[in-house]
Amino acid sequence: MRYEGTVYRPPSEAESLLIQATIGCPHNKCTFCGMYQDKKFRIRSVADIKEDLLMAGKYYGDTVESIFFPDGNTIIMKTDQLADILNYAKELFPQLKRMTVYGSAKYLALKSLQELCLLREAGLSRIHSGMESGDDEVLRRINKGFTAAEMIENGLKVKEAQIELSEYILIGIGGRERTQEHSLESARVLNSFNPNFIRVRTFNPFPGTPLYQDYMKGIFTLLSPHEAIKETRLLISELTGPSQLFSDHFLNFAPVSGNIPNDKMKILETLDRILTVPENKFIRPEPGHL
């Protein structure tokens, strides 16, 4: 397998075979993200991707059960080309159970329902999507490239195509100024299409990004540990589900997970207990950790 630059994948894809289908990110304008700054976006050829899949097949044999195709927004590939590599992977790996990609609302909008159904039939089982916030003002400030309404429209489309959807929320991305709007609007948007998975991440400024510069200048204020937990609590209190909630990242101050709505009260009670821990007992990593 051949890789270019740092390859990023969701924590839930830790056991997956990683095959780069795209290099970099076609948007690459989010003010908080420093992941693809060293790469110029391009889509790899189907032939090159198949060569890497073949190499992986010879090395791993029948042990591969899941594949994640980085880099950012691989869903942008032409539908017939993406379907081609998905079908090829199924032929190579008889034990394959799951194939996944990144895809934000901006690029999901380029796919029709029919195209998404075709990809699901080819084997695409899950899309990881960086929603970050449901608040239009926060989305504008971080330059995500889509609105809350567009997120809802495309979330519903993915669900109708029967592809699993994993949405990511950045706790604290609205700063102290918009913490309530960020929580409430994110919950409203998530409740509109109920993704299969909701994964919360605590925002930590990344050096070299515009939002890091705002943080250093005092323009953007990070939430304290207790403020981040309270924002998380408000978000969860408004969720209706059904969805699976995960707080599965080392930056989070409150590692709570469970089913929404079944486990919601238990999760809220856990957060209330965590809030009794003195704030100086929490460890915040230095800025620069994803």
Protein backbone atom coordinates (compact mmCIF):
# COMPACT_ATOMS: atom_id res chain seq x y z
CA MET A 1 0.00 0.00 0.00
CA ARG A 2 1.18 3.51 -0.78
CA TYR A 3 0.40 6.52 1.39
CA GLU A 4 0.98 10.23 0.88
CA GLY A 5 1.49 12.46 3.92
CA THR A 6 -0.23 11.93 7.24
CA VAL A 7 -3.30 9.72 6.92
CA TYR A 8 -6.21 10.49 9.26
CA ARG A 9 -9.04 8.17 10.18
CA PRO A 10 -11.89 8.18 12.72
CA PRO A 11 -11.16 6.36 16.01
CA SER A 12 -13.85 3.83 15.14
CA GLU A 13 -11.81 2.82 12.07
CA ALA A 14 -8.76 1.82 14.14
CA GLU A 15 -8.98 -1.79 12.95
CA SER A 16 -9.81 -0.94 9.33
CA LEU A 17 -7.57 -1.31 6.32
CA LEU A 18 -6.74 2.20 5.10
CA ILE A 19 -6.57 2.72 1.34
CA GLN A 20 -6.14 6.31 0.13
CA ALA A 21 -8.67 7.08 -2.58
CA THR A 22 -8.22 10.85 -2.46
CA ILE A 23 -5.26 12.95 -1.40
CA GLY A 24 -6.05 15.92 0.83
CA CYS A 25 -9.44 17.62 1.10
CA PRO A 26 -11.35 19.37 -1.72
CA HIS A 27 -12.69 22.03 0.67
CA ASN A 28 -9.69 22.52 2.96
CA LYS A 29 -10.96 25.93 4.15
CA CYS A 30 -12.27 25.14 7.63
CA THR A 31 -10.72 27.67 9.99
CA PHE A 32 -10.09 25.09 12.73
CA CYS A 33 -8.61 22.24 10.68
CA GLY A 34 -4.91 21.71 10.05
CA MET A 35 -5.05 18.15 8.82
CA TYR A 36 -4.54 18.61 5.08
CA GLN A 37 -2.58 21.84 4.82
CA ASP A 38 0.45 20.05 3.35
CA LYS A 39 -1.48 18.41 0.51
CA LYS A 40 -2.96 19.62 -2.76
CA PHE A 41 -6.24 17.84 -3.35
CA ARG A 42 -6.54 15.23 -6.05
CA ILE A 43 -8.46 12.03 -6.70
CA ARG A 44 -6.32 8.97 -7.23
CA SER A 45 -6.91 6.87 -10.32
CA VAL A 46 -9.07 3.78 -10.02
CA ALA A 47 -6.12 1.72 -11.31
CA ASP A 48 -3.84 2.97 -8.51
CA ILE A 49 -6.47 2.35 -5.85
CA LYS A 50 -7.04 -1.18 -7.15
CA GLU A 51 -3.29 -1.83 -7.10
CA ASP A 52 -3.19 -0.89 -3.43
CA LEU A 53 -6.20 -3.08 -2.69
CA LEU A 54 -4.49 -5.97 -4.47
CA MET A 55 -1.28 -5.42 -2.47
CA ALA A 56 -3.32 -5.42 0.72
CA GLY A 57 -5.07 -8.61 -0.36
CA LYS A 58 -1.77 -10.40 -0.88
CA TYR A 59 -0.47 -9.21 2.50
CA TYR A 60 -3.55 -9.58 4.72
CA GLY A 61 -5.40 -12.32 2.89
CA ASP A 62 -8.84 -13.11 4.31
CA THR A 63 -8.35 -11.16 7.55
CA VAL A 64 -9.72 -7.81 6.34
CA GLU A 65 -13.22 -7.13 7.68
CA SER A 66 -13.44 -3.36 7.24
CA ILE A 67 -11.94 -0.74 4.92
CA PHE A 68 -11.81 3.03 5.31
CA PHE A 69 -10.95 5.06 2.20
CA PRO A 70 -9.18 8.33 3.20
CA ASP A 71 -8.43 11.24 2.67
CA GLY A 72 -10.99 13.98 3.22
CA ASN A 73 -14.39 13.80 1.49
CA THR A 74 -13.76 10.72 -0.62
CA ILE A 75 -17.50 10.82 -1.38
CA ILE A 76 -16.59 13.44 -4.01
CA MET A 77 -15.32 10.69 -6.34
CA LYS A 78 -17.41 10.02 -9.43
CA THR A 79 -20.10 7.56 -8.43
CA ASP A 80 -19.20 4.92 -11.00
CA GLN A 81 -15.52 5.04 -10.01
CA LEU A 82 -16.21 4.79 -6.30
CA ALA A 83 -18.66 1.93 -6.93
CA ASP A 84 -15.97 0.22 -9.02
CA ILE A 85 -13.42 0.17 -6.20
CA LEU A 86 -16.06 -0.87 -3.66
CA ASN A 87 -17.09 -3.84 -5.80
CA TYR A 88 -13.45 -4.74 -6.42
CA ALA A 89 -12.76 -4.72 -2.68
CA LYS A 90 -15.69 -7.08 -2.10
CA GLU A 91 -14.21 -9.52 -4.59
CA LEU A 92 -10.78 -9.41 -2.94
CA PHE A 93 -11.86 -9.70 0.68
CA PRO A 94 -14.53 -12.35 1.26
CA GLN A 95 -14.74 -11.54 5.01
CA LEU A 96 -15.43 -7.85 4.35
CA LYS A 97 -18.27 -6.47 6.49
CA ARG A 98 -17.92 -2.69 6.23
CA MET A 99 -16.57 0.00 3.87
CA THR A 100 -16.60 3.67 4.84
CA VAL A 101 -15.57 7.15 3.67
CA TYR A 102 -15.57 10.76 4.82
CA GLY A 103 -18.29 12.96 3.32
CA SER A 104 -19.47 16.39 4.45
CA ALA A 105 -22.84 17.90 3.54
CA LYS A 106 -21.16 20.07 0.90
CA TYR A 107 -20.15 17.01 -1.11
CA LEU A 108 -23.07 14.77 -0.20
CA ALA A 109 -25.14 17.43 -1.95
CA LEU A 110 -23.46 16.42 -5.22
CA LYS A 111 -24.90 12.90 -4.99
CA SER A 112 -28.46 12.07 -5.90
CA LEU A 113 -30.47 9.58 -3.87
CA GLN A 114 -30.12 7.14 -6.78
CA GLU A 115 -26.33 7.49 -6.72
CA LEU A 116 -26.17 6.92 -2.97
CA CYS A 117 -28.33 3.81 -3.35
CA LEU A 118 -25.96 2.56 -6.04
CA LEU A 119 -23.00 3.08 -3.68
CA ARG A 120 -24.81 1.27 -0.89
CA GLU A 121 -25.45 -1.66 -3.22
CA ALA A 122 -21.75 -1.64 -4.14
CA GLY A 123 -20.87 -1.96 -0.46
CA LEU A 124 -20.62 1.53 1.03
CA SER A 125 -21.99 0.99 4.51
CA ARG A 126 -21.12 4.14 6.46
CA ILE A 127 -20.28 7.82 5.86
CA HIS A 128 -18.35 9.81 8.47
CA SER A 129 -19.47 13.43 8.28
CA GLY A 130 -18.02 16.45 10.07
CA MET A 131 -21.08 18.46 10.99
CA GLU A 132 -19.19 20.28 13.80
CA SER A 133 -22.18 22.53 14.62
CA GLY A 134 -25.81 23.06 13.73
CA ASP A 135 -25.60 26.79 14.36
CA ASP A 136 -25.47 28.71 11.09
CA GLU A 137 -23.43 31.52 12.62
CA VAL A 138 -20.81 29.10 13.90
CA LEU A 139 -20.79 27.29 10.54
CA ARG A 140 -20.19 30.62 8.82
CA ARG A 141 -17.38 31.57 11.19
CA ILE A 142 -15.53 28.27 10.78
CA ASN A 143 -16.16 28.26 7.01
CA LYS A 144 -17.63 24.76 6.75
CA GLY A 145 -19.11 25.43 3.34
CA PHE A 146 -22.71 24.46 4.10
CA THR A 147 -25.69 25.54 6.18
CA ALA A 148 -27.77 23.75 8.80
CA ALA A 149 -30.61 23.37 6.27
CA GLU A 150 -28.26 21.74 3.75
CA MET A 151 -27.02 19.41 6.46
CA ILE A 152 -30.55 18.29 7.25
CA GLU A 153 -31.42 17.79 3.58
CA ASN A 154 -28.38 15.63 2.93
CA GLY A 155 -28.59 13.77 6.23
CA LEU A 156 -32.12 12.70 5.34
CA LYS A 157 -30.94 11.64 1.89
CA VAL A 158 -28.19 9.42 3.29
CA LYS A 159 -30.61 7.83 5.74
CA GLU A 160 -33.12 7.21 2.93
CA ALA A 161 -30.36 5.48 0.95
CA GLN A 162 -29.93 3.19 3.99
CA ILE A 163 -26.27 4.11 4.48
CA GLU A 164 -25.17 4.52 8.08
CA LEU A 165 -24.29 8.09 9.01
CA SER A 166 -21.80 9.06 11.70
CA GLU A 167 -21.94 12.78 12.56
CA TYR A 168 -19.22 14.62 14.48
CA ILE A 169 -19.91 17.54 16.83
CA LEU A 170 -17.11 19.81 18.07
CA ILE A 171 -17.73 20.82 21.66
CA GLY A 172 -16.57 24.40 22.17
CA ILE A 173 -16.25 25.32 18.48
CA GLY A 174 -18.61 28.25 19.03
CA GLY A 175 -16.45 29.57 21.84
CA ARG A 176 -17.91 30.94 25.07
CA GLU A 177 -19.94 33.49 23.10
CA ARG A 178 -22.18 30.99 21.30
CA THR A 179 -22.06 27.96 23.56
CA GLN A 180 -25.84 27.85 24.06
CA GLU A 181 -26.71 28.47 20.41
CA HIS A 182 -24.18 25.86 19.35
CA SER A 183 -25.66 23.21 21.65
CA LEU A 184 -29.32 23.90 20.95
CA GLU A 185 -29.00 24.27 17.18
CA SER A 186 -26.77 21.20 16.90
CA ALA A 187 -29.38 19.16 18.75
CA ARG A 188 -32.16 20.55 16.54
CA VAL A 189 -30.31 19.59 13.36
CA LEU A 190 -29.38 16.13 14.65
CA ASN A 191 -32.98 15.49 15.70
CA SER A 192 -34.10 16.32 12.16
CA PHE A 193 -32.50 13.21 10.67
CA ASN A 194 -31.20 11.16 13.64
CA PRO A 195 -27.85 9.87 12.39
CA ASN A 196 -26.92 6.35 13.42
CA PHE A 197 -23.97 7.69 15.40
CA ILE A 198 -23.29 11.03 17.10
CA ARG A 199 -19.66 11.48 18.11
CA VAL A 200 -18.57 14.42 20.24
CA ARG A 201 -15.08 15.92 20.12
CA THR A 202 -13.74 18.75 22.28
CA PHE A 203 -12.21 21.51 20.18
CA ASN A 204 -8.50 22.18 20.72
CA PRO A 205 -6.82 24.91 18.60
CA PHE A 206 -4.39 23.63 15.99
CA PRO A 207 -1.28 25.77 15.29
CA GLY A 208 -1.18 27.39 11.87
CA THR A 209 -4.95 27.58 11.47
CA PRO A 210 -6.97 30.85 11.41
CA LEU A 211 -8.90 29.85 14.54
CA TYR A 212 -5.63 29.21 16.39
CA GLN A 213 -4.55 32.74 15.53
CA ASP A 214 -7.86 34.08 16.87
CA TYR A 215 -7.28 32.07 20.05
CA MET A 216 -3.77 33.46 20.48
CA LYS A 217 -5.06 37.02 19.96
CA GLY A 218 -7.82 36.54 22.50
CA ILE A 219 -10.55 36.87 19.86
CA PHE A 220 -11.71 33.29 20.40
CA THR A 221 -12.21 32.02 23.96
CA LEU A 222 -11.85 28.33 24.73
CA LEU A 223 -14.36 26.78 27.08
CA SER A 224 -13.10 25.73 30.49
CA PRO A 225 -13.49 22.00 31.36
CA HIS A 226 -16.72 22.64 33.29
CA GLU A 227 -18.07 24.86 30.51
CA ALA A 228 -17.32 22.15 27.92
CA ILE A 229 -19.09 19.54 30.03
CA LYS A 230 -22.10 21.84 30.49
CA GLU A 231 -22.24 22.41 26.73
CA THR A 232 -22.13 18.65 26.21
CA ARG A 233 -24.90 18.21 28.76
CA LEU A 234 -27.15 20.79 27.09
CA LEU A 235 -26.63 19.14 23.70
CA ILE A 236 -27.47 15.67 25.02
CA SER A 237 -30.46 16.90 27.04
CA GLU A 238 -32.05 18.12 23.79
CA LEU A 239 -31.39 15.01 21.70
CA THR A 240 -34.38 12.80 20.93
CA GLY A 241 -32.83 9.98 18.91
CA PRO A 242 -32.77 7.23 18.05
CA SER A 243 -28.99 7.46 17.79
CA GLN A 244 -25.90 5.99 19.41
CA LEU A 245 -23.87 8.62 21.23
CA PHE A 246 -20.11 8.27 21.64
CA SER A 247 -17.63 10.45 23.48
CA ASP A 248 -14.67 8.44 22.22
CA HIS A 249 -11.80 10.91 21.94
CA PHE A 250 -8.96 11.59 24.36
CA LEU A 251 -9.62 15.35 24.28
CA ASN A 252 -13.06 14.97 25.85
CA PHE A 253 -13.45 15.81 29.54
CA ALA A 254 -16.45 13.51 29.96
CA PRO A 255 -16.20 10.07 28.31
CA VAL A 256 -19.92 9.25 28.22
CA SER A 257 -21.57 7.01 25.66
CA GLY A 258 -24.89 5.27 25.22
CA ASN A 259 -28.16 4.99 23.36
CA ILE A 260 -30.36 8.03 22.82
CA PRO A 261 -33.05 8.09 24.18
CA ASN A 262 -32.74 4.92 26.32
CA ASP A 263 -29.59 5.92 28.20
CA LYS A 264 -30.07 9.69 28.16
CA MET A 265 -31.01 10.15 31.81
CA LYS A 266 -28.12 7.95 32.96
CA ILE A 267 -25.71 9.96 30.78
CA LEU A 268 -27.00 13.27 32.15
CA GLU A 269 -26.65 12.00 35.72
CA THR A 270 -23.07 10.95 34.97
CA LEU A 271 -22.28 14.41 33.59
CA ASP A 272 -23.76 16.00 36.71
CA ARG A 273 -21.45 13.87 38.87
CA ILE A 274 -18.43 14.78 36.74
CA LEU A 275 -19.29 18.46 37.19
CA THR A 276 -18.74 18.05 40.95
CA VAL A 277 -15.05 17.33 40.31
CA PRO A 278 -12.98 20.51 40.88
CA GLU A 279 -12.05 22.12 37.60
CA ASN A 280 -8.33 22.10 38.39
CA LYS A 281 -8.40 18.29 38.38
CA PHE A 282 -9.05 18.16 34.64
CA ILE A 283 -6.11 17.93 32.25
CA ARG A 284 -6.27 19.97 29.06
CA PRO A 285 -3.77 18.99 26.34
CA GLU A 286 -1.66 21.72 24.85
CA PRO A 287 -3.12 23.33 21.68
CA GLY A 288 -2.12 21.37 18.61
CA HIS A 289 -3.60 17.97 19.47
CA LEU A 290 -6.44 16.72 17.26
